[in-house]
Amino acid sequence: MEIILFEPEIPPNTGNIARLSAGLGIRLHLVEPLGFSIADKDLKRAGLDYWPYVDLRVWPDWKSFRDGWEGGRIIAASARRGEHYSLYAAEEGDGLLFGPETRGLPESVAEEADRVYRIPLREGVRSLNLATTVGFFLGMALPRLRAAEGLAG
């Protein structure tokens, strides 16, 4: 399983996701343009001292990412469209794709995903925090994958 952030904008969100990636041993892909510098102090602070443990790949644009993607399916998360998140059956090699915080995943990018899933939100709530959404999907997917592999933890 890998995490793909398409044009992330908020450094603390990406830092938190990097920390999660480091802790769980999950590769993190950042697709430019980014809304911050990777050297940004807020990004570093949110990731604490875990950056040396992050398997990080930075891509100059979506086309470069797609051309270089060696994983399995691309699974997109959306606040507005797609199947209910409970229908997501994780597979080894999935790349979980998340869009920018203020704009969400563009339709053209979502159309390239193999599947799109959403977390239904109450009326009037635009979206969840990006780091929370990534954690939500990983928290749901990893136990299923590990159980299927006969692994604990």
Protein backbone atom coordinates (compact mmCIF):
# COMPACT_ATOMS: atom_id res chain seq x y z
CA MET A 1 0.00 0.00 0.00
CA GLU A 2 1.25 3.50 -0.86
CA ILE A 3 -0.03 7.04 -0.27
CA ILE A 4 -0.25 9.56 -3.10
CA LEU A 5 -0.85 13.23 -2.35
CA PHE A 6 -1.81 15.18 -5.44
CA GLU A 7 -0.70 18.82 -5.13
CA PRO A 8 -0.91 19.03 -1.31
CA GLU A 9 -1.16 22.58 0.00
CA ILE A 10 -0.83 22.62 3.79
CA PRO A 11 2.58 21.71 5.29
CA PRO A 12 1.37 20.35 8.67
CA ASN A 13 -1.01 17.94 6.92
CA THR A 14 1.76 16.57 4.73
CA GLY A 15 4.10 16.41 7.73
CA ASN A 16 1.56 14.40 9.71
CA ILE A 17 1.03 12.06 6.77
CA ALA A 18 4.79 11.66 6.39
CA ARG A 19 5.01 10.71 10.06
CA LEU A 20 2.25 8.14 9.55
CA SER A 21 4.07 6.80 6.48
CA ALA A 22 7.32 6.49 8.42
CA GLY A 23 5.66 4.70 11.32
CA LEU A 24 3.81 2.21 9.15
CA GLY A 25 6.52 1.73 6.51
CA ILE A 26 4.33 3.01 3.68
CA ARG A 27 5.80 4.87 0.70
CA LEU A 28 4.64 8.48 0.30
CA HIS A 29 4.35 10.09 -3.14
CA LEU A 30 4.02 13.88 -3.50
CA VAL A 31 2.82 15.12 -6.88
CA GLU A 32 3.87 18.71 -7.61
CA PRO A 33 3.22 21.54 -7.57
CA LEU A 34 3.26 21.59 -3.78
CA GLY A 35 1.80 24.47 -1.80
CA PHE A 36 4.99 24.66 0.27
CA SER A 37 8.69 23.86 0.19
CA ILE A 38 9.79 20.45 1.41
CA ALA A 39 12.23 22.38 3.60
CA ASP A 40 9.29 24.28 5.19
CA LYS A 41 9.69 24.43 8.98
CA ASP A 42 5.99 23.61 9.54
CA LEU A 43 6.34 20.51 7.38
CA LYS A 44 9.44 19.42 9.27
CA ARG A 45 7.88 20.16 12.67
CA ALA A 46 4.76 18.10 11.88
CA GLY A 47 6.91 15.17 10.72
CA LEU A 48 9.13 15.58 13.79
CA ASP A 49 12.39 13.70 13.46
CA TYR A 50 10.89 10.91 11.35
CA TRP A 51 11.83 12.29 7.94
CA PRO A 52 14.84 9.96 7.58
CA TYR A 53 12.40 7.04 7.83
CA VAL A 54 9.99 8.29 5.15
CA ASP A 55 10.19 6.48 1.82
CA LEU A 56 9.44 9.65 -0.14
CA ARG A 57 9.06 10.10 -3.89
CA VAL A 58 8.40 13.55 -5.34
CA TRP A 59 7.00 13.81 -8.86
CA PRO A 60 7.07 16.98 -11.00
CA ASP A 61 3.47 16.48 -12.23
CA TRP A 62 0.63 13.98 -12.58
CA LYS A 63 1.76 12.67 -15.97
CA SER A 64 5.24 11.88 -14.63
CA PHE A 65 3.69 10.08 -11.68
CA ARG A 66 1.37 8.01 -13.89
CA ASP A 67 4.21 7.15 -16.27
CA GLY A 68 6.42 6.10 -13.34
CA TRP A 69 3.80 4.34 -11.17
CA GLU A 70 4.84 0.74 -10.56
CA GLY A 71 2.17 -0.15 -8.02
CA GLY A 72 -1.22 -1.72 -8.43
CA ARG A 73 -4.58 0.00 -8.51
CA ILE A 74 -5.03 3.71 -7.90
CA ILE A 75 -7.77 4.20 -5.31
CA ALA A 76 -9.01 7.78 -4.98
CA ALA A 77 -10.70 9.29 -1.95
CA SER A 78 -13.27 12.02 -2.43
CA ALA A 79 -15.64 14.00 -0.25
CA ARG A 80 -18.20 14.31 -3.05
CA ARG A 81 -18.21 11.31 -5.37
CA GLY A 82 -17.63 7.61 -5.57
CA GLU A 83 -18.74 4.50 -3.75
CA HIS A 84 -19.22 4.34 0.01
CA TYR A 85 -15.84 3.82 1.75
CA SER A 86 -17.06 0.60 3.39
CA LEU A 87 -17.05 -1.06 -0.04
CA TYR A 88 -13.28 -0.57 -0.43
CA ALA A 89 -11.57 -3.96 -0.43
CA ALA A 90 -7.87 -3.21 -0.06
CA GLU A 91 -5.36 -5.08 -2.16
CA GLU A 92 -1.60 -5.26 -1.77
CA GLY A 93 0.00 -2.64 -4.00
CA ASP A 94 -2.91 -0.18 -3.90
CA GLY A 95 -2.02 3.48 -4.15
CA LEU A 96 -4.36 5.64 -2.08
CA LEU A 97 -4.80 8.96 -3.88
CA PHE A 98 -5.84 12.17 -2.10
CA GLY A 99 -6.40 15.63 -3.57
CA PRO A 100 -5.41 19.10 -2.41
CA GLU A 101 -7.02 20.41 0.74
CA THR A 102 -8.84 23.45 -0.67
CA ARG A 103 -9.83 22.12 -4.10
CA GLY A 104 -10.18 18.39 -3.80
CA LEU A 105 -9.15 15.95 -6.49
CA PRO A 106 -9.77 17.32 -10.01
CA GLU A 107 -12.27 15.33 -12.04
CA SER A 108 -9.65 14.64 -14.73
CA VAL A 109 -7.37 12.99 -12.16
CA ALA A 110 -10.19 11.11 -10.42
CA GLU A 111 -11.21 9.67 -13.80
CA GLU A 112 -7.79 8.02 -14.06
CA ALA A 113 -8.26 6.18 -10.76
CA ASP A 114 -9.33 2.56 -10.82
CA ARG A 115 -11.94 3.26 -8.12
CA VAL A 116 -13.18 6.29 -6.18
CA TYR A 117 -14.53 6.08 -2.64
CA ARG A 118 -16.10 8.70 -0.42
CA ILE A 119 -16.71 9.21 3.26
CA PRO A 120 -20.25 10.60 3.49
CA LEU A 121 -20.36 13.85 5.41
CA ARG A 122 -23.16 15.70 7.14
CA GLU A 123 -24.90 18.47 5.26
CA GLY A 124 -22.88 21.67 5.46
CA VAL A 125 -19.54 19.96 6.14
CA ARG A 126 -17.22 20.42 3.15
CA SER A 127 -14.53 17.90 3.94
CA LEU A 128 -12.41 16.20 6.57
CA ASN A 129 -8.81 17.13 7.31
CA LEU A 130 -6.47 15.51 4.79
CA ALA A 131 -4.29 13.78 7.40
CA THR A 132 -7.41 12.47 9.13
CA THR A 133 -8.77 11.10 5.86
CA VAL A 134 -5.50 9.35 5.04
CA GLY A 135 -5.44 7.82 8.53
CA PHE A 136 -9.07 6.77 8.15
CA PHE A 137 -8.41 4.85 4.92
CA LEU A 138 -5.20 3.28 6.21
CA GLY A 139 -6.85 2.33 9.49
CA MET A 140 -9.53 0.53 7.54
CA ALA A 141 -7.32 -1.06 4.88
CA LEU A 142 -4.24 -2.26 6.75
CA PRO A 143 -5.95 -4.63 9.20
CA ARG A 144 -7.80 -6.25 6.30
CA LEU A 145 -4.60 -6.68 4.32
CA ARG A 146 -2.66 -8.03 7.28
CA ALA A 147 -5.45 -10.41 8.20
CA ALA A 148 -5.54 -11.69 4.62
CA GLU A 149 -1.76 -12.24 4.81
CA GLY A 150 -2.09 -13.96 8.20
CA LEU A 151 -0.13 -11.21 9.93
CA ALA A 152 -0.85 -9.67 13.29
CA GLY A 153 -0.48 -5.98 14.16
